[in-house]
Structure formats: C-alpha cells, structure tokens
N, C-alpha and C. Protein backbone atom coordinates (compact mmCIF):
# COMPACT_ATOMS: atom_id res chain seq x y z
N MET A 1 -1.30 -20.70 20.58
CA MET A 1 -2.08 -21.85 21.13
C MET A 1 -3.61 -21.51 20.96
N ASN A 2 -4.35 -22.51 20.56
CA ASN A 2 -5.74 -22.23 20.30
C ASN A 2 -6.60 -22.22 21.54
N ARG A 3 -6.20 -22.88 22.57
CA ARG A 3 -7.09 -22.91 23.76
C ARG A 3 -6.25 -22.51 24.95
N ILE A 4 -6.70 -21.51 25.64
CA ILE A 4 -5.88 -21.00 26.75
C ILE A 4 -6.80 -20.94 27.95
N LEU A 5 -7.20 -22.12 28.44
CA LEU A 5 -8.07 -22.09 29.62
C LEU A 5 -7.31 -21.47 30.82
N PHE A 6 -5.89 -21.63 30.73
CA PHE A 6 -5.06 -21.08 31.79
C PHE A 6 -4.97 -19.59 31.73
N VAL A 7 -5.50 -18.93 30.56
CA VAL A 7 -5.50 -17.51 30.45
C VAL A 7 -6.88 -16.93 30.76
N ILE A 8 -7.88 -17.81 30.92
CA ILE A 8 -9.17 -17.32 31.25
C ILE A 8 -9.14 -16.77 32.65
N LEU A 9 -9.52 -15.55 32.76
CA LEU A 9 -9.47 -14.84 34.12
C LEU A 9 -10.56 -15.34 34.98
N LEU A 10 -10.25 -15.31 36.32
CA LEU A 10 -11.23 -15.79 37.26
C LEU A 10 -12.47 -14.86 37.38
N PHE A 11 -12.26 -13.58 37.15
CA PHE A 11 -13.36 -12.59 37.20
C PHE A 11 -14.09 -12.63 38.53
N PHE A 12 -13.31 -12.77 39.64
CA PHE A 12 -13.90 -12.70 40.94
C PHE A 12 -13.74 -11.23 41.45
N ILE A 13 -14.83 -10.51 41.47
CA ILE A 13 -14.80 -9.13 42.01
C ILE A 13 -15.52 -9.21 43.36
N PHE A 14 -14.76 -9.02 44.39
CA PHE A 14 -15.28 -9.21 45.75
C PHE A 14 -15.85 -7.99 46.34
N PRO A 15 -16.98 -8.08 47.06
CA PRO A 15 -17.47 -6.96 47.81
C PRO A 15 -16.49 -6.65 48.96
N GLU A 16 -16.48 -5.37 49.37
CA GLU A 16 -15.60 -5.00 50.48
C GLU A 16 -16.01 -5.83 51.72
N GLY A 17 -14.93 -6.34 52.39
CA GLY A 17 -15.16 -7.12 53.61
C GLY A 17 -15.33 -8.60 53.35
N TYR A 18 -15.34 -9.00 52.08
CA TYR A 18 -15.39 -10.46 51.74
C TYR A 18 -14.21 -11.17 52.40
N CYS A 19 -14.44 -12.38 52.84
CA CYS A 19 -13.44 -13.07 53.67
C CYS A 19 -12.19 -13.49 52.90
N GLN A 20 -12.18 -13.39 51.57
CA GLN A 20 -10.98 -13.77 50.85
C GLN A 20 -9.78 -13.00 51.26
N SER A 21 -9.96 -11.73 51.61
CA SER A 21 -8.90 -10.92 52.18
C SER A 21 -9.56 -10.05 53.25
N GLU A 22 -8.88 -9.98 54.36
CA GLU A 22 -9.43 -9.15 55.46
C GLU A 22 -9.03 -7.71 55.30
N ASN A 23 -8.18 -7.45 54.32
CA ASN A 23 -7.69 -6.09 54.12
C ASN A 23 -8.59 -5.38 53.03
N ILE A 24 -9.37 -4.39 53.54
CA ILE A 24 -10.34 -3.72 52.70
C ILE A 24 -9.65 -3.00 51.55
N ARG A 25 -8.51 -2.36 51.83
CA ARG A 25 -7.80 -1.61 50.78
C ARG A 25 -7.30 -2.55 49.69
N ALA A 26 -6.81 -3.75 50.12
CA ALA A 26 -6.34 -4.74 49.17
C ALA A 26 -7.50 -5.16 48.28
N LEU A 27 -8.69 -5.39 48.85
CA LEU A 27 -9.82 -5.77 48.03
C LEU A 27 -10.21 -4.65 47.05
N GLN A 28 -10.13 -3.41 47.45
CA GLN A 28 -10.41 -2.31 46.56
C GLN A 28 -9.50 -2.30 45.40
N TYR A 29 -8.20 -2.44 45.58
CA TYR A 29 -7.25 -2.47 44.51
C TYR A 29 -7.52 -3.70 43.58
N TYR A 30 -7.82 -4.84 44.23
CA TYR A 30 -8.10 -6.01 43.43
C TYR A 30 -9.30 -5.83 42.52
N ASN A 31 -10.39 -5.32 43.10
CA ASN A 31 -11.58 -5.08 42.32
C ASN A 31 -11.32 -4.06 41.19
N ARG A 32 -10.51 -3.08 41.49
CA ARG A 32 -10.24 -2.08 40.47
C ARG A 32 -9.43 -2.68 39.31
N ALA A 33 -8.49 -3.61 39.72
CA ALA A 33 -7.70 -4.31 38.70
C ALA A 33 -8.60 -5.14 37.79
N MET A 34 -9.56 -5.87 38.41
CA MET A 34 -10.46 -6.70 37.56
C MET A 34 -11.33 -5.86 36.63
N ASN A 35 -11.74 -4.70 37.12
CA ASN A 35 -12.49 -3.80 36.25
C ASN A 35 -11.67 -3.24 35.15
N LYS A 36 -10.36 -2.99 35.38
CA LYS A 36 -9.47 -2.54 34.33
C LYS A 36 -9.26 -3.61 33.29
N ILE A 37 -9.22 -4.87 33.70
CA ILE A 37 -9.12 -5.98 32.72
C ILE A 37 -10.32 -5.97 31.78
N LEU A 38 -11.50 -5.78 32.37
CA LEU A 38 -12.72 -5.69 31.56
C LEU A 38 -12.62 -4.59 30.56
N ARG A 39 -11.90 -3.54 30.87
CA ARG A 39 -11.72 -2.40 29.94
C ARG A 39 -10.44 -2.58 29.08
N LYS A 40 -9.80 -3.77 29.17
CA LYS A 40 -8.60 -4.07 28.40
C LYS A 40 -7.38 -3.22 28.77
N ASP A 41 -7.39 -2.72 30.01
CA ASP A 41 -6.24 -1.96 30.54
C ASP A 41 -5.38 -2.92 31.38
N ASN A 42 -4.70 -3.85 30.66
CA ASN A 42 -3.98 -4.88 31.38
C ASN A 42 -2.81 -4.38 32.19
N ARG A 43 -2.08 -3.43 31.68
CA ARG A 43 -0.96 -2.92 32.45
C ARG A 43 -1.41 -2.14 33.68
N GLY A 44 -2.51 -1.43 33.55
CA GLY A 44 -3.04 -0.77 34.73
C GLY A 44 -3.52 -1.78 35.74
N ALA A 45 -4.09 -2.90 35.27
CA ALA A 45 -4.52 -3.94 36.19
C ALA A 45 -3.33 -4.54 36.96
N ILE A 46 -2.24 -4.74 36.27
CA ILE A 46 -1.04 -5.30 36.97
C ILE A 46 -0.59 -4.36 38.06
N THR A 47 -0.65 -3.11 37.79
CA THR A 47 -0.24 -2.12 38.84
C THR A 47 -1.15 -2.26 40.06
N ASP A 48 -2.45 -2.43 39.85
CA ASP A 48 -3.38 -2.59 40.95
C ASP A 48 -3.26 -3.93 41.67
N PHE A 49 -3.07 -4.96 40.91
CA PHE A 49 -2.85 -6.29 41.54
C PHE A 49 -1.60 -6.22 42.46
N THR A 50 -0.55 -5.52 41.95
CA THR A 50 0.67 -5.42 42.72
C THR A 50 0.44 -4.68 44.04
N GLU A 51 -0.36 -3.59 43.97
CA GLU A 51 -0.69 -2.88 45.19
C GLU A 51 -1.50 -3.72 46.17
N ALA A 52 -2.41 -4.53 45.63
CA ALA A 52 -3.24 -5.44 46.46
C ALA A 52 -2.33 -6.44 47.20
N ILE A 53 -1.35 -6.93 46.45
CA ILE A 53 -0.43 -7.87 47.05
C ILE A 53 0.46 -7.21 48.05
N ARG A 54 0.89 -5.99 47.82
CA ARG A 54 1.70 -5.28 48.82
C ARG A 54 0.93 -5.12 50.11
N LEU A 55 -0.39 -4.92 50.04
CA LEU A 55 -1.23 -4.71 51.19
C LEU A 55 -1.57 -6.02 51.88
N ASP A 56 -1.62 -7.12 51.12
CA ASP A 56 -1.96 -8.41 51.65
C ASP A 56 -1.13 -9.49 50.90
N SER A 57 -0.02 -9.86 51.48
CA SER A 57 0.92 -10.77 50.81
C SER A 57 0.39 -12.18 50.66
N GLY A 58 -0.77 -12.50 51.27
CA GLY A 58 -1.39 -13.80 51.12
C GLY A 58 -2.57 -13.81 50.25
N PHE A 59 -2.77 -12.78 49.44
CA PHE A 59 -4.00 -12.60 48.60
C PHE A 59 -3.86 -13.48 47.35
N ILE A 60 -4.25 -14.74 47.43
CA ILE A 60 -3.94 -15.70 46.39
C ILE A 60 -4.57 -15.31 45.04
N GLU A 61 -5.81 -14.78 45.02
CA GLU A 61 -6.44 -14.47 43.75
C GLU A 61 -5.65 -13.32 43.03
N ALA A 62 -5.08 -12.45 43.82
CA ALA A 62 -4.31 -11.35 43.19
C ALA A 62 -3.10 -11.91 42.51
N TYR A 63 -2.39 -12.86 43.15
CA TYR A 63 -1.28 -13.53 42.45
C TYR A 63 -1.72 -14.25 41.23
N GLU A 64 -2.80 -15.03 41.35
CA GLU A 64 -3.28 -15.81 40.21
C GLU A 64 -3.68 -14.89 39.01
N ASN A 65 -4.45 -13.89 39.27
CA ASN A 65 -4.90 -13.02 38.16
C ASN A 65 -3.79 -12.09 37.63
N ARG A 66 -2.87 -11.72 38.49
CA ARG A 66 -1.71 -10.97 37.98
C ARG A 66 -0.93 -11.89 37.07
N GLY A 67 -0.80 -13.17 37.46
CA GLY A 67 -0.10 -14.09 36.66
C GLY A 67 -0.80 -14.30 35.28
N VAL A 68 -2.06 -14.43 35.30
CA VAL A 68 -2.84 -14.57 34.04
C VAL A 68 -2.64 -13.34 33.12
N THR A 69 -2.67 -12.15 33.75
CA THR A 69 -2.55 -10.95 32.98
C THR A 69 -1.11 -10.87 32.39
N ARG A 70 -0.15 -11.21 33.22
CA ARG A 70 1.22 -11.18 32.69
C ARG A 70 1.39 -12.18 31.54
N TYR A 71 0.82 -13.35 31.69
CA TYR A 71 0.91 -14.34 30.63
C TYR A 71 0.31 -13.77 29.34
N TYR A 72 -0.84 -13.12 29.49
CA TYR A 72 -1.52 -12.53 28.30
C TYR A 72 -0.65 -11.49 27.62
N LEU A 73 0.17 -10.80 28.41
CA LEU A 73 1.09 -9.83 27.84
C LEU A 73 2.45 -10.44 27.48
N GLU A 74 2.50 -11.78 27.51
CA GLU A 74 3.72 -12.54 27.13
C GLU A 74 4.89 -12.30 28.06
N ASP A 75 4.58 -11.93 29.29
CA ASP A 75 5.60 -11.91 30.32
C ASP A 75 5.57 -13.22 31.04
N PHE A 76 6.11 -14.24 30.42
CA PHE A 76 5.95 -15.66 30.91
C PHE A 76 6.76 -15.86 32.23
N SER A 77 7.89 -15.22 32.31
CA SER A 77 8.69 -15.34 33.59
C SER A 77 7.94 -14.70 34.75
N GLY A 78 7.31 -13.55 34.49
CA GLY A 78 6.53 -12.90 35.56
C GLY A 78 5.33 -13.71 35.94
N ALA A 79 4.67 -14.31 34.95
CA ALA A 79 3.53 -15.15 35.20
C ALA A 79 3.91 -16.35 36.05
N LEU A 80 5.06 -16.93 35.69
CA LEU A 80 5.52 -18.10 36.45
C LEU A 80 5.81 -17.75 37.91
N GLU A 81 6.38 -16.59 38.17
CA GLU A 81 6.62 -16.20 39.54
C GLU A 81 5.30 -16.09 40.32
N ASP A 82 4.30 -15.51 39.66
CA ASP A 82 3.00 -15.35 40.37
C ASP A 82 2.32 -16.71 40.61
N TYR A 83 2.39 -17.60 39.64
CA TYR A 83 1.81 -18.93 39.83
C TYR A 83 2.55 -19.71 40.91
N ASP A 84 3.90 -19.54 40.95
CA ASP A 84 4.64 -20.18 42.02
C ASP A 84 4.17 -19.77 43.39
N ARG A 85 3.99 -18.45 43.54
CA ARG A 85 3.57 -17.87 44.82
C ARG A 85 2.16 -18.34 45.16
N ALA A 86 1.22 -18.38 44.17
CA ALA A 86 -0.14 -18.84 44.42
C ALA A 86 -0.13 -20.29 44.88
N LEU A 87 0.70 -21.10 44.25
CA LEU A 87 0.73 -22.51 44.64
C LEU A 87 1.48 -22.73 45.94
N ASP A 88 2.37 -21.86 46.35
CA ASP A 88 2.90 -21.89 47.66
C ASP A 88 1.84 -21.72 48.73
N ILE A 89 0.89 -20.83 48.42
CA ILE A 89 -0.20 -20.57 49.34
C ILE A 89 -1.23 -21.67 49.36
N ASN A 90 -1.55 -22.20 48.14
CA ASN A 90 -2.56 -23.31 47.99
C ASN A 90 -2.04 -24.31 47.03
N PRO A 91 -1.30 -25.30 47.49
CA PRO A 91 -0.72 -26.32 46.55
C PRO A 91 -1.78 -27.13 45.79
N ASP A 92 -3.04 -27.13 46.26
CA ASP A 92 -4.05 -27.91 45.65
C ASP A 92 -4.91 -27.15 44.61
N ASP A 93 -4.39 -25.99 44.18
CA ASP A 93 -5.10 -25.22 43.15
C ASP A 93 -4.66 -25.72 41.78
N TYR A 94 -5.38 -26.69 41.26
CA TYR A 94 -4.95 -27.40 40.08
C TYR A 94 -5.11 -26.60 38.80
N ASN A 95 -6.04 -25.66 38.77
CA ASN A 95 -6.17 -24.78 37.62
C ASN A 95 -4.96 -23.94 37.47
N THR A 96 -4.45 -23.41 38.64
CA THR A 96 -3.25 -22.59 38.55
C THR A 96 -2.06 -23.45 38.18
N CYS A 97 -2.09 -24.71 38.60
CA CYS A 97 -1.01 -25.67 38.21
C CYS A 97 -0.96 -25.80 36.67
N ILE A 98 -2.15 -25.95 36.06
CA ILE A 98 -2.22 -26.02 34.60
C ILE A 98 -1.67 -24.75 33.98
N ARG A 99 -2.08 -23.57 34.50
CA ARG A 99 -1.59 -22.34 33.93
C ARG A 99 -0.09 -22.23 34.06
N ARG A 100 0.44 -22.64 35.22
CA ARG A 100 1.93 -22.61 35.38
C ARG A 100 2.58 -23.54 34.39
N GLY A 101 1.96 -24.68 34.10
CA GLY A 101 2.52 -25.58 33.14
C GLY A 101 2.67 -24.97 31.75
N TRP A 102 1.66 -24.19 31.35
CA TRP A 102 1.77 -23.51 30.03
C TRP A 102 2.78 -22.37 30.09
N ALA A 103 2.95 -21.70 31.21
CA ALA A 103 4.01 -20.71 31.30
C ALA A 103 5.38 -21.36 31.10
N LYS A 104 5.52 -22.51 31.77
CA LYS A 104 6.80 -23.23 31.65
C LYS A 104 6.98 -23.68 30.16
N PHE A 105 5.91 -24.12 29.51
CA PHE A 105 6.03 -24.49 28.11
C PHE A 105 6.51 -23.36 27.25
N ARG A 106 5.98 -22.18 27.50
CA ARG A 106 6.37 -21.00 26.72
C ARG A 106 7.77 -20.61 26.98
N LEU A 107 8.31 -21.04 28.09
CA LEU A 107 9.72 -20.75 28.47
C LEU A 107 10.64 -21.94 28.11
N ASN A 108 10.10 -22.90 27.30
CA ASN A 108 10.80 -24.06 26.84
C ASN A 108 11.15 -25.04 27.95
N ASP A 109 10.50 -24.99 29.09
CA ASP A 109 10.70 -25.98 30.14
C ASP A 109 9.62 -27.06 29.97
N PHE A 110 9.88 -27.94 28.98
CA PHE A 110 8.83 -28.94 28.68
C PHE A 110 8.69 -29.99 29.74
N THR A 111 9.79 -30.35 30.39
CA THR A 111 9.75 -31.29 31.47
C THR A 111 8.95 -30.72 32.66
N GLY A 112 9.17 -29.47 32.96
CA GLY A 112 8.41 -28.80 34.08
C GLY A 112 6.95 -28.68 33.71
N ALA A 113 6.67 -28.37 32.46
CA ALA A 113 5.26 -28.27 32.05
C ALA A 113 4.54 -29.58 32.19
N MET A 114 5.19 -30.66 31.74
CA MET A 114 4.56 -31.98 31.86
C MET A 114 4.37 -32.32 33.32
N ALA A 115 5.29 -31.99 34.16
CA ALA A 115 5.19 -32.36 35.59
C ALA A 115 3.99 -31.64 36.19
N ASP A 116 3.72 -30.38 35.81
CA ASP A 116 2.56 -29.64 36.35
C ASP A 116 1.28 -30.24 35.80
N PHE A 117 1.23 -30.64 34.54
CA PHE A 117 -0.01 -31.27 33.99
C PHE A 117 -0.24 -32.58 34.68
N ASN A 118 0.78 -33.36 34.91
CA ASN A 118 0.64 -34.62 35.61
C ASN A 118 0.12 -34.42 37.02
N ARG A 119 0.66 -33.41 37.67
CA ARG A 119 0.23 -33.10 39.06
C ARG A 119 -1.21 -32.71 39.09
N ALA A 120 -1.68 -31.94 38.13
CA ALA A 120 -3.09 -31.56 38.09
C ALA A 120 -4.01 -32.75 37.88
N ILE A 121 -3.62 -33.63 37.03
CA ILE A 121 -4.41 -34.83 36.76
C ILE A 121 -4.41 -35.78 37.96
N GLU A 122 -3.28 -35.91 38.61
CA GLU A 122 -3.26 -36.69 39.83
C GLU A 122 -4.17 -36.15 40.90
N GLY A 123 -4.23 -34.83 41.01
CA GLY A 123 -5.05 -34.23 42.03
C GLY A 123 -6.50 -34.18 41.68
N ASN A 124 -6.85 -34.15 40.38
CA ASN A 124 -8.25 -34.08 39.95
C ASN A 124 -8.38 -34.94 38.68
N PRO A 125 -8.40 -36.26 38.83
CA PRO A 125 -8.35 -37.15 37.64
C PRO A 125 -9.65 -37.18 36.84
N ASP A 126 -10.70 -36.56 37.30
CA ASP A 126 -11.97 -36.60 36.59
C ASP A 126 -12.20 -35.30 35.76
N ASN A 127 -11.16 -34.47 35.66
CA ASN A 127 -11.33 -33.22 34.89
C ASN A 127 -10.87 -33.51 33.44
N PRO A 128 -11.80 -33.56 32.50
CA PRO A 128 -11.39 -33.89 31.09
C PRO A 128 -10.56 -32.81 30.46
N ASP A 129 -10.75 -31.53 30.90
CA ASP A 129 -9.91 -30.45 30.33
C ASP A 129 -8.44 -30.71 30.54
N TYR A 130 -8.09 -31.25 31.72
CA TYR A 130 -6.70 -31.50 32.03
C TYR A 130 -6.06 -32.50 31.07
N TYR A 131 -6.83 -33.56 30.74
CA TYR A 131 -6.32 -34.54 29.80
C TYR A 131 -6.18 -33.95 28.39
N ASN A 132 -7.09 -33.09 28.00
CA ASN A 132 -6.93 -32.43 26.70
C ASN A 132 -5.70 -31.54 26.69
N THR A 133 -5.44 -30.88 27.80
CA THR A 133 -4.27 -30.01 27.91
C THR A 133 -2.97 -30.81 27.82
N ARG A 134 -2.93 -31.92 28.59
CA ARG A 134 -1.72 -32.73 28.57
C ARG A 134 -1.54 -33.40 27.20
N GLY A 135 -2.68 -33.81 26.60
CA GLY A 135 -2.60 -34.38 25.28
C GLY A 135 -2.11 -33.41 24.25
N GLU A 136 -2.47 -32.15 24.36
CA GLU A 136 -2.02 -31.14 23.44
C GLU A 136 -0.51 -30.98 23.57
N LEU A 137 0.00 -30.96 24.81
CA LEU A 137 1.45 -30.84 25.00
C LEU A 137 2.16 -32.04 24.41
N LYS A 138 1.64 -33.23 24.62
CA LYS A 138 2.26 -34.42 24.09
C LYS A 138 2.27 -34.37 22.59
N TYR A 139 1.21 -33.86 22.02
CA TYR A 139 1.17 -33.72 20.53
C TYR A 139 2.25 -32.77 20.05
N ARG A 140 2.40 -31.63 20.73
CA ARG A 140 3.40 -30.69 20.39
C ARG A 140 4.80 -31.23 20.51
N LEU A 141 5.00 -32.15 21.46
CA LEU A 141 6.26 -32.76 21.69
C LEU A 141 6.43 -34.05 20.83
N GLN A 142 5.47 -34.32 19.97
CA GLN A 142 5.47 -35.46 19.06
C GLN A 142 5.42 -36.80 19.78
N ASP A 143 4.87 -36.80 20.97
CA ASP A 143 4.56 -38.08 21.65
C ASP A 143 3.13 -38.45 21.20
N TYR A 144 3.04 -39.00 19.99
CA TYR A 144 1.73 -39.23 19.42
C TYR A 144 0.96 -40.35 20.12
N PRO A 145 1.59 -41.47 20.56
CA PRO A 145 0.83 -42.45 21.31
C PRO A 145 0.29 -41.90 22.61
N GLY A 146 1.14 -41.12 23.30
CA GLY A 146 0.72 -40.53 24.60
C GLY A 146 -0.41 -39.58 24.37
N ALA A 147 -0.34 -38.79 23.30
CA ALA A 147 -1.39 -37.83 23.03
C ALA A 147 -2.71 -38.49 22.78
N ILE A 148 -2.66 -39.53 21.95
CA ILE A 148 -3.93 -40.29 21.65
C ILE A 148 -4.49 -40.88 22.87
N ALA A 149 -3.65 -41.45 23.76
CA ALA A 149 -4.15 -42.04 24.99
C ALA A 149 -4.90 -41.01 25.86
N ASP A 150 -4.38 -39.77 25.95
CA ASP A 150 -5.04 -38.75 26.73
C ASP A 150 -6.33 -38.34 26.06
N PHE A 151 -6.35 -38.16 24.74
CA PHE A 151 -7.60 -37.78 24.09
C PHE A 151 -8.61 -38.91 24.18
N ASN A 152 -8.20 -40.15 24.13
CA ASN A 152 -9.12 -41.24 24.29
C ASN A 152 -9.82 -41.23 25.66
N LYS A 153 -9.03 -40.83 26.69
CA LYS A 153 -9.63 -40.77 28.03
C LYS A 153 -10.79 -39.79 28.08
N VAL A 154 -10.66 -38.72 27.33
CA VAL A 154 -11.74 -37.74 27.31
C VAL A 154 -12.91 -38.27 26.48
N ILE A 155 -12.61 -38.82 25.31
CA ILE A 155 -13.65 -39.25 24.41
C ILE A 155 -14.48 -40.37 25.00
N TYR A 156 -13.86 -41.28 25.72
CA TYR A 156 -14.58 -42.43 26.20
C TYR A 156 -15.02 -42.37 27.69
N ALA A 157 -14.72 -41.30 28.31
CA ALA A 157 -15.10 -41.12 29.72
C ALA A 157 -16.51 -40.66 29.87
N TRP A 158 -17.26 -41.26 30.78
CA TRP A 158 -18.63 -40.96 30.96
C TRP A 158 -18.83 -39.50 31.49
N TYR A 159 -17.83 -38.96 32.18
CA TYR A 159 -17.96 -37.64 32.80
C TYR A 159 -17.61 -36.53 31.86
N SER A 160 -17.14 -36.82 30.67
CA SER A 160 -16.71 -35.74 29.76
C SER A 160 -17.93 -35.10 29.10
N GLY A 161 -17.98 -33.81 29.07
CA GLY A 161 -19.08 -33.10 28.42
C GLY A 161 -18.84 -32.93 26.93
N ARG A 162 -19.79 -32.33 26.30
CA ARG A 162 -19.74 -32.17 24.84
C ARG A 162 -18.55 -31.38 24.37
N LYS A 163 -18.25 -30.23 25.06
CA LYS A 163 -17.13 -29.40 24.64
C LYS A 163 -15.76 -30.08 24.79
N PRO A 164 -15.46 -30.71 25.95
CA PRO A 164 -14.18 -31.42 26.04
C PRO A 164 -14.05 -32.51 25.00
N LYS A 165 -15.14 -33.25 24.78
CA LYS A 165 -15.06 -34.34 23.76
C LYS A 165 -14.86 -33.79 22.36
N SER A 166 -15.49 -32.65 22.02
CA SER A 166 -15.29 -32.08 20.70
C SER A 166 -13.86 -31.65 20.49
N GLU A 167 -13.21 -31.11 21.54
CA GLU A 167 -11.82 -30.70 21.46
C GLU A 167 -10.95 -31.96 21.36
N ALA A 168 -11.26 -33.02 22.11
CA ALA A 168 -10.44 -34.21 22.09
C ALA A 168 -10.50 -34.86 20.68
N TYR A 169 -11.66 -34.87 20.09
CA TYR A 169 -11.78 -35.42 18.69
C TYR A 169 -10.92 -34.58 17.76
N PHE A 170 -10.97 -33.24 17.93
CA PHE A 170 -10.20 -32.35 17.07
C PHE A 170 -8.72 -32.66 17.17
N TRP A 171 -8.22 -32.74 18.41
CA TRP A 171 -6.76 -32.95 18.55
C TRP A 171 -6.39 -34.36 18.17
N ARG A 172 -7.23 -35.34 18.50
CA ARG A 172 -6.90 -36.67 18.02
C ARG A 172 -6.87 -36.79 16.48
N GLY A 173 -7.77 -36.00 15.88
CA GLY A 173 -7.76 -35.94 14.40
C GLY A 173 -6.45 -35.39 13.87
N LEU A 174 -5.92 -34.36 14.50
CA LEU A 174 -4.65 -33.78 14.02
C LEU A 174 -3.52 -34.81 14.19
N VAL A 175 -3.53 -35.50 15.34
CA VAL A 175 -2.48 -36.55 15.56
C VAL A 175 -2.56 -37.63 14.50
N ARG A 176 -3.77 -38.09 14.21
CA ARG A 176 -3.90 -39.16 13.24
C ARG A 176 -3.43 -38.70 11.84
N ILE A 177 -3.80 -37.49 11.51
CA ILE A 177 -3.29 -37.01 10.19
C ILE A 177 -1.81 -36.92 10.16
N ASP A 178 -1.20 -36.49 11.27
CA ASP A 178 0.29 -36.40 11.32
C ASP A 178 0.96 -37.77 11.25
N ILE A 179 0.28 -38.79 11.69
CA ILE A 179 0.90 -40.15 11.64
C ILE A 179 0.37 -40.90 10.42
N GLU A 180 -0.14 -40.15 9.44
CA GLU A 180 -0.56 -40.66 8.15
C GLU A 180 -1.77 -41.56 8.21
N ASP A 181 -2.60 -41.39 9.18
CA ASP A 181 -3.91 -42.06 9.24
C ASP A 181 -4.96 -40.99 8.86
N ARG A 182 -4.94 -40.63 7.55
CA ARG A 182 -5.77 -39.55 7.11
C ARG A 182 -7.30 -39.88 7.23
N HIS A 183 -7.62 -41.12 6.98
CA HIS A 183 -9.03 -41.52 7.08
C HIS A 183 -9.56 -41.35 8.50
N GLY A 184 -8.76 -41.89 9.50
CA GLY A 184 -9.17 -41.78 10.88
C GLY A 184 -9.15 -40.31 11.37
N GLY A 185 -8.13 -39.58 10.90
CA GLY A 185 -8.04 -38.18 11.30
C GLY A 185 -9.19 -37.35 10.78
N CYS A 186 -9.53 -37.56 9.54
CA CYS A 186 -10.67 -36.75 8.99
C CYS A 186 -12.01 -37.18 9.63
N ALA A 187 -12.10 -38.47 10.00
CA ALA A 187 -13.34 -38.90 10.71
C ALA A 187 -13.47 -38.18 12.01
N ASP A 188 -12.31 -38.04 12.74
CA ASP A 188 -12.34 -37.38 14.06
C ASP A 188 -12.66 -35.87 13.89
N LEU A 189 -12.10 -35.27 12.84
CA LEU A 189 -12.38 -33.83 12.62
C LEU A 189 -13.86 -33.65 12.24
N ASP A 190 -14.39 -34.60 11.52
CA ASP A 190 -15.80 -34.55 11.15
C ASP A 190 -16.68 -34.63 12.40
N ARG A 191 -16.31 -35.54 13.33
CA ARG A 191 -17.09 -35.68 14.54
C ARG A 191 -17.02 -34.42 15.39
N SER A 192 -15.81 -33.85 15.46
CA SER A 192 -15.64 -32.62 16.20
C SER A 192 -16.44 -31.47 15.61
N ALA A 193 -16.40 -31.38 14.30
CA ALA A 193 -17.17 -30.31 13.60
C ALA A 193 -18.68 -30.47 13.86
N LYS A 194 -19.18 -31.70 13.79
CA LYS A 194 -20.59 -31.92 14.00
C LYS A 194 -21.03 -31.60 15.44
N MET A 195 -20.04 -31.64 16.35
CA MET A 195 -20.31 -31.33 17.73
C MET A 195 -20.24 -29.82 18.02
N GLY A 196 -19.88 -29.07 16.93
CA GLY A 196 -19.90 -27.63 17.09
C GLY A 196 -18.54 -26.92 17.26
N TYR A 197 -17.46 -27.72 17.17
CA TYR A 197 -16.15 -27.13 17.37
C TYR A 197 -15.70 -26.43 16.08
N THR A 198 -15.73 -25.11 16.10
CA THR A 198 -15.56 -24.32 14.88
C THR A 198 -14.23 -24.56 14.19
N LYS A 199 -13.17 -24.69 14.99
CA LYS A 199 -11.83 -24.82 14.34
C LYS A 199 -11.72 -26.13 13.61
N ALA A 200 -12.47 -27.16 14.07
CA ALA A 200 -12.46 -28.45 13.35
C ALA A 200 -13.07 -28.27 11.97
N LYS A 201 -14.06 -27.51 11.83
CA LYS A 201 -14.66 -27.26 10.50
C LYS A 201 -13.66 -26.60 9.62
N GLU A 202 -12.90 -25.65 10.11
CA GLU A 202 -11.94 -24.95 9.34
C GLU A 202 -10.80 -25.80 8.89
N VAL A 203 -10.24 -26.61 9.82
CA VAL A 203 -9.11 -27.49 9.51
C VAL A 203 -9.53 -28.60 8.60
N ARG A 204 -10.77 -29.13 8.72
CA ARG A 204 -11.23 -30.19 7.90
C ARG A 204 -11.26 -29.81 6.43
N ILE A 205 -11.67 -28.56 6.17
CA ILE A 205 -11.74 -28.08 4.82
C ILE A 205 -10.32 -28.15 4.16
N VAL A 206 -9.33 -27.80 4.92
CA VAL A 206 -7.96 -27.77 4.41
C VAL A 206 -7.37 -29.18 4.28
N ALA A 207 -7.60 -29.99 5.32
CA ALA A 207 -6.91 -31.27 5.47
C ALA A 207 -7.61 -32.43 4.80
N CYS A 208 -8.91 -32.34 4.57
CA CYS A 208 -9.66 -33.48 4.16
C CYS A 208 -10.49 -33.38 2.88
N GLU A 209 -10.55 -32.19 2.30
CA GLU A 209 -11.37 -32.01 1.14
C GLU A 209 -10.49 -31.57 -0.07
C-alpha cells in the first residue's frame, strides 16, 4: 500500500508525571519504546510497550503504538488486538479506527475494514483523508463508482487541503484508467502531478505517455 497514515506513529513522548498515565514507570517504558522506534528497534519497542501496558492496563497510547509497530512488522492479528483494546477504552478515536480497518483488510476481512472506515467517516465527516482511505479500499474491491464518489468528495470539498486533493486526483485517475476512461484518468494524474504528488508523476509516465 502506498499510503499508510494508519502506520504513522503518534510520536508522543510524555514527560514523567504527564496525566496520560499516572503510573511513572509505565511512562518510562512508553518513552523508551518510542525512542527505540526512532532508532528502528521495533521489536525492542514492542517489549517496552508491553511492559507499559502491564503496569497500566488503561494506557491507550501504548496499545495504539504497539498496534502500529506490530502492523509495521506485518503482525496484523497482533495489531488488530491492540486496536480493539484501544477502541474499547476510547470508541471515538477515529484514527485508530482507520488503522484497525487496514489491519482487517490485510487479514482479508473486507467487510470489517469497510465498517471501520464508515464508522470513522460518520464520526468525523470533514476529514478528507478518511474519504481517500475508503475510496482506496473501494478501488481495491473494484467498486469503481463508490471509489469515484469518495474521491469526488475530497476534490470538491472546501475543507480539503492540497495534499488530500492531490491524492484523490491520483486515485481517481487510476480508477478512470481501469474503467477505460484513459483521457479522464490521465487528466487526473496530470492534476495530481502538478500539485506535487510524486507517485502521480511516475504512474503518468507509464500510463499516459
């Protein structure tokens, strides 16, 4: 997958005593885990996240970031367990909901993935990244009309920034090419490339020239 916003780590390193967890030792392990991630020691980070969770079973960021790290290591079942626990603690964490959706996708639970993406959009309908994410899933499932509808919501929404729109043009371009609208697809890839989306430039050379 080209875009893994659900794999982007939160990078919250808390000072001791920060109210996110009242357990100082749990915070110490959490911070050490995040520092290990910066050093690309992902397995060591998981060990420390696990110890932070043992010390504070309600430490939501530890579950979230252990889930992200497990996903990065392609332990999708482990990631799903962590996202489930994080959402048990905070059902309104829609970024984690999106991440859980991609974990389900990688486990071939396409219905569950779509349900999580729908839930995130219902909870935060003004987030253009969520529509891009759902549109990408629809594209992969060959629901081309549904994918175009989601990408259109990003392209034509007043609240969408430059980056989400450039991604939406890119993905809509791929959909159009797949449904044999090469002219429209190449026009979308050209728009995306002009907005600075590097992958659109690369794909356009192959698909349109």
